[in-house]
Amino acid sequence: MVQKQYSYEFKEQVIKECNEVGNVSLVARMHDISPNTVHGWVRAAKKIGNVKPLPKNEAKRLSEVKKRLESVSKENNTLKKDTW
């Protein structure tokens, strides 16, 4: 059995489609991927907020965390504006 490596961009796209469609099995079938694999990606994305792991280098890790925090903060502010 050969283990496939999927890009982070592809994983994020599949997770986005799952959220839009609301059916993991259907999205997995469309991409010819095991539903269990997609469920794992969705679970990881919910747990850590992203499927892309943080870099090992501490300086790069801090930089990436700051970028992610800024992105989430901007999205949060946009959502707050939309609800008022």
N, C-alpha and C. Protein backbone atom coordinates (compact mmCIF):
# COMPACT_ATOMS: atom_id res chain seq x y z
N MET A 1 0.84 -1.18 0.00
CA MET A 1 0.00 0.00 0.00
C MET A 1 0.89 1.25 0.00
N VAL A 2 0.63 2.14 -0.93
CA VAL A 2 1.42 3.36 -1.06
C VAL A 2 0.71 4.49 -0.34
N GLN A 3 1.46 5.18 0.51
CA GLN A 3 0.89 6.32 1.23
C GLN A 3 1.09 7.58 0.39
N LYS A 4 0.01 8.29 0.13
CA LYS A 4 0.07 9.51 -0.68
C LYS A 4 0.35 10.71 0.21
N GLN A 5 1.07 11.67 -0.35
CA GLN A 5 1.31 12.93 0.33
C GLN A 5 0.50 14.01 -0.39
N TYR A 6 -0.34 14.70 0.34
CA TYR A 6 -1.16 15.76 -0.24
C TYR A 6 -0.62 17.10 0.23
N SER A 7 -0.69 18.09 -0.65
CA SER A 7 -0.21 19.43 -0.28
C SER A 7 -1.16 20.05 0.75
N TYR A 8 -0.63 21.00 1.50
CA TYR A 8 -1.44 21.69 2.51
C TYR A 8 -2.56 22.47 1.82
N GLU A 9 -2.26 23.03 0.66
CA GLU A 9 -3.27 23.79 -0.08
C GLU A 9 -4.43 22.88 -0.48
N PHE A 10 -4.10 21.66 -0.93
CA PHE A 10 -5.13 20.71 -1.32
C PHE A 10 -5.99 20.31 -0.12
N LYS A 11 -5.33 20.05 1.01
CA LYS A 11 -6.06 19.68 2.22
C LYS A 11 -7.01 20.81 2.65
N GLU A 12 -6.51 22.04 2.60
CA GLU A 12 -7.35 23.18 2.98
C GLU A 12 -8.54 23.32 2.05
N GLN A 13 -8.32 23.08 0.75
CA GLN A 13 -9.40 23.17 -0.22
C GLN A 13 -10.46 22.10 0.05
N VAL A 14 -10.02 20.89 0.35
CA VAL A 14 -10.97 19.79 0.63
C VAL A 14 -11.76 20.11 1.90
N ILE A 15 -11.10 20.63 2.93
CA ILE A 15 -11.79 20.99 4.17
C ILE A 15 -12.81 22.09 3.91
N LYS A 16 -12.44 23.06 3.10
CA LYS A 16 -13.36 24.14 2.75
C LYS A 16 -14.58 23.58 2.03
N GLU A 17 -14.36 22.66 1.10
CA GLU A 17 -15.48 22.04 0.38
C GLU A 17 -16.37 21.26 1.34
N CYS A 18 -15.77 20.57 2.31
CA CYS A 18 -16.56 19.82 3.30
C CYS A 18 -17.45 20.76 4.09
N ASN A 19 -16.92 21.90 4.47
CA ASN A 19 -17.72 22.88 5.22
C ASN A 19 -18.84 23.43 4.37
N GLU A 20 -18.58 23.66 3.08
CA GLU A 20 -19.60 24.21 2.19
C GLU A 20 -20.68 23.18 1.87
N VAL A 21 -20.26 21.95 1.56
CA VAL A 21 -21.19 20.90 1.15
C VAL A 21 -21.88 20.29 2.36
N GLY A 22 -21.12 20.13 3.45
CA GLY A 22 -21.69 19.54 4.65
C GLY A 22 -21.69 18.02 4.65
N ASN A 23 -20.99 17.41 3.68
CA ASN A 23 -20.96 15.96 3.59
C ASN A 23 -19.54 15.52 3.26
N VAL A 24 -18.82 15.02 4.25
CA VAL A 24 -17.42 14.62 4.08
C VAL A 24 -17.29 13.47 3.10
N SER A 25 -18.18 12.49 3.18
CA SER A 25 -18.10 11.33 2.30
C SER A 25 -18.25 11.71 0.84
N LEU A 26 -19.16 12.63 0.55
CA LEU A 26 -19.38 13.07 -0.82
C LEU A 26 -18.14 13.78 -1.37
N VAL A 27 -17.56 14.68 -0.58
CA VAL A 27 -16.35 15.40 -1.00
C VAL A 27 -15.20 14.42 -1.19
N ALA A 28 -15.05 13.47 -0.28
CA ALA A 28 -13.98 12.47 -0.40
C ALA A 28 -14.15 11.66 -1.69
N ARG A 29 -15.37 11.28 -2.00
CA ARG A 29 -15.64 10.52 -3.22
C ARG A 29 -15.31 11.35 -4.46
N MET A 30 -15.62 12.65 -4.43
CA MET A 30 -15.33 13.52 -5.57
C MET A 30 -13.83 13.59 -5.84
N HIS A 31 -13.02 13.51 -4.78
CA HIS A 31 -11.57 13.62 -4.93
C HIS A 31 -10.87 12.26 -4.89
N ASP A 32 -11.65 11.20 -4.82
CA ASP A 32 -11.11 9.83 -4.78
C ASP A 32 -10.15 9.65 -3.61
N ILE A 33 -10.61 10.07 -2.43
CA ILE A 33 -9.85 9.97 -1.19
C ILE A 33 -10.72 9.21 -0.18
N SER A 34 -10.08 8.51 0.72
CA SER A 34 -10.81 7.82 1.78
C SER A 34 -11.51 8.83 2.69
N PRO A 35 -12.77 8.59 3.01
CA PRO A 35 -13.47 9.49 3.94
C PRO A 35 -12.76 9.59 5.29
N ASN A 36 -12.12 8.49 5.73
CA ASN A 36 -11.40 8.53 7.00
C ASN A 36 -10.24 9.52 6.95
N THR A 37 -9.57 9.61 5.80
CA THR A 37 -8.48 10.57 5.64
C THR A 37 -9.02 11.99 5.76
N VAL A 38 -10.12 12.26 5.08
CA VAL A 38 -10.70 13.60 5.10
C VAL A 38 -11.20 13.94 6.51
N HIS A 39 -11.82 12.98 7.18
CA HIS A 39 -12.26 13.21 8.57
C HIS A 39 -11.07 13.58 9.45
N GLY A 40 -9.92 12.93 9.24
CA GLY A 40 -8.72 13.24 10.01
C GLY A 40 -8.26 14.67 9.75
N TRP A 41 -8.31 15.10 8.49
CA TRP A 41 -7.92 16.48 8.16
C TRP A 41 -8.86 17.48 8.82
N VAL A 42 -10.15 17.18 8.78
CA VAL A 42 -11.14 18.09 9.38
C VAL A 42 -10.93 18.16 10.88
N ARG A 43 -10.70 17.01 11.51
CA ARG A 43 -10.46 16.97 12.95
C ARG A 43 -9.22 17.77 13.32
N ALA A 44 -8.15 17.60 12.54
CA ALA A 44 -6.90 18.34 12.80
C ALA A 44 -7.12 19.84 12.62
N ALA A 45 -7.87 20.21 11.60
CA ALA A 45 -8.12 21.64 11.35
C ALA A 45 -8.93 22.25 12.48
N LYS A 46 -9.89 21.50 13.02
CA LYS A 46 -10.69 22.01 14.14
C LYS A 46 -9.83 22.11 15.40
N LYS A 47 -8.93 21.16 15.59
CA LYS A 47 -8.12 21.12 16.80
C LYS A 47 -7.08 22.24 16.83
N ILE A 48 -6.34 22.40 15.74
CA ILE A 48 -5.26 23.39 15.73
C ILE A 48 -5.55 24.60 14.86
N GLY A 49 -6.68 24.58 14.18
CA GLY A 49 -7.07 25.74 13.38
C GLY A 49 -6.49 25.76 11.98
N ASN A 50 -5.65 24.76 11.66
CA ASN A 50 -5.00 24.75 10.36
C ASN A 50 -4.42 23.36 10.13
N VAL A 51 -4.33 22.95 8.88
CA VAL A 51 -3.72 21.64 8.60
C VAL A 51 -2.22 21.75 8.38
N LYS A 52 -1.72 22.97 8.23
CA LYS A 52 -0.30 23.17 7.99
C LYS A 52 0.44 23.23 9.32
N PRO A 53 1.41 22.34 9.55
CA PRO A 53 2.12 22.36 10.83
C PRO A 53 3.03 23.59 10.94
N LEU A 54 3.34 23.96 12.16
CA LEU A 54 4.25 25.08 12.39
C LEU A 54 5.69 24.64 12.11
N PRO A 55 6.53 25.58 11.66
CA PRO A 55 7.95 25.24 11.41
C PRO A 55 8.67 24.83 12.69
N LYS A 56 9.74 24.06 12.54
CA LYS A 56 10.52 23.60 13.69
C LYS A 56 11.38 24.72 14.27
N ASN A 57 11.91 25.59 13.42
CA ASN A 57 12.74 26.71 13.85
C ASN A 57 11.91 27.65 14.71
N GLU A 58 12.40 27.99 15.90
CA GLU A 58 11.62 28.80 16.85
C GLU A 58 11.27 30.18 16.30
N ALA A 59 12.22 30.85 15.64
CA ALA A 59 11.95 32.18 15.10
C ALA A 59 10.88 32.12 14.02
N LYS A 60 11.00 31.14 13.14
CA LYS A 60 10.00 30.97 12.08
C LYS A 60 8.65 30.59 12.67
N ARG A 61 8.69 29.76 13.72
CA ARG A 61 7.45 29.34 14.39
C ARG A 61 6.72 30.55 14.97
N LEU A 62 7.45 31.43 15.66
CA LEU A 62 6.84 32.62 16.25
C LEU A 62 6.28 33.54 15.16
N SER A 63 7.02 33.68 14.08
CA SER A 63 6.57 34.51 12.96
C SER A 63 5.27 33.95 12.38
N GLU A 64 5.21 32.64 12.20
CA GLU A 64 4.02 32.00 11.64
C GLU A 64 2.83 32.14 12.59
N VAL A 65 3.06 31.98 13.88
CA VAL A 65 1.99 32.13 14.87
C VAL A 65 1.44 33.55 14.83
N LYS A 66 2.34 34.54 14.73
CA LYS A 66 1.90 35.94 14.66
C LYS A 66 1.06 36.18 13.42
N LYS A 67 1.48 35.63 12.27
CA LYS A 67 0.72 35.80 11.03
C LYS A 67 -0.67 35.18 11.15
N ARG A 68 -0.73 33.98 11.73
CA ARG A 68 -2.02 33.30 11.89
C ARG A 68 -2.93 34.07 12.84
N LEU A 69 -2.35 34.60 13.92
CA LEU A 69 -3.13 35.37 14.88
C LEU A 69 -3.68 36.64 14.25
N GLU A 70 -2.85 37.32 13.46
CA GLU A 70 -3.32 38.53 12.77
C GLU A 70 -4.45 38.19 11.80
N SER A 71 -4.32 37.09 11.09
CA SER A 71 -5.34 36.67 10.14
C SER A 71 -6.67 36.39 10.85
N VAL A 72 -6.59 35.67 11.96
CA VAL A 72 -7.79 35.34 12.72
C VAL A 72 -8.40 36.60 13.31
N SER A 73 -7.56 37.51 13.79
CA SER A 73 -8.07 38.77 14.35
C SER A 73 -8.79 39.59 13.30
N LYS A 74 -8.22 39.68 12.10
CA LYS A 74 -8.87 40.41 11.01
C LYS A 74 -10.21 39.78 10.65
N GLU A 75 -10.23 38.45 10.57
CA GLU A 75 -11.48 37.75 10.25
C GLU A 75 -12.51 37.98 11.35
N ASN A 76 -12.08 37.95 12.60
CA ASN A 76 -12.97 38.17 13.72
C ASN A 76 -13.57 39.58 13.67
N ASN A 77 -12.74 40.58 13.39
CA ASN A 77 -13.22 41.95 13.29
C ASN A 77 -14.22 42.11 12.15
N THR A 78 -13.95 41.46 11.03
CA THR A 78 -14.86 41.51 9.89
C THR A 78 -16.20 40.89 10.25
N LEU A 79 -16.15 39.76 10.94
CA LEU A 79 -17.40 39.09 11.36
C LEU A 79 -18.18 39.93 12.35
N LYS A 80 -17.46 40.61 13.25
CA LYS A 80 -18.15 41.50 14.20
C LYS A 80 -18.86 42.62 13.48
N LYS A 81 -18.21 43.21 12.47
CA LYS A 81 -18.81 44.29 11.70
C LYS A 81 -20.05 43.83 10.95
N ASP A 82 -20.01 42.59 10.43
CA ASP A 82 -21.12 42.04 9.66
C ASP A 82 -22.36 41.78 10.52
N THR A 83 -22.15 41.48 11.81
CA THR A 83 -23.28 41.14 12.67
C THR A 83 -23.96 42.39 13.25
N TRP A 84 -23.28 43.53 13.22
CA TRP A 84 -23.87 44.74 13.80
C TRP A 84 -24.67 45.43 12.81
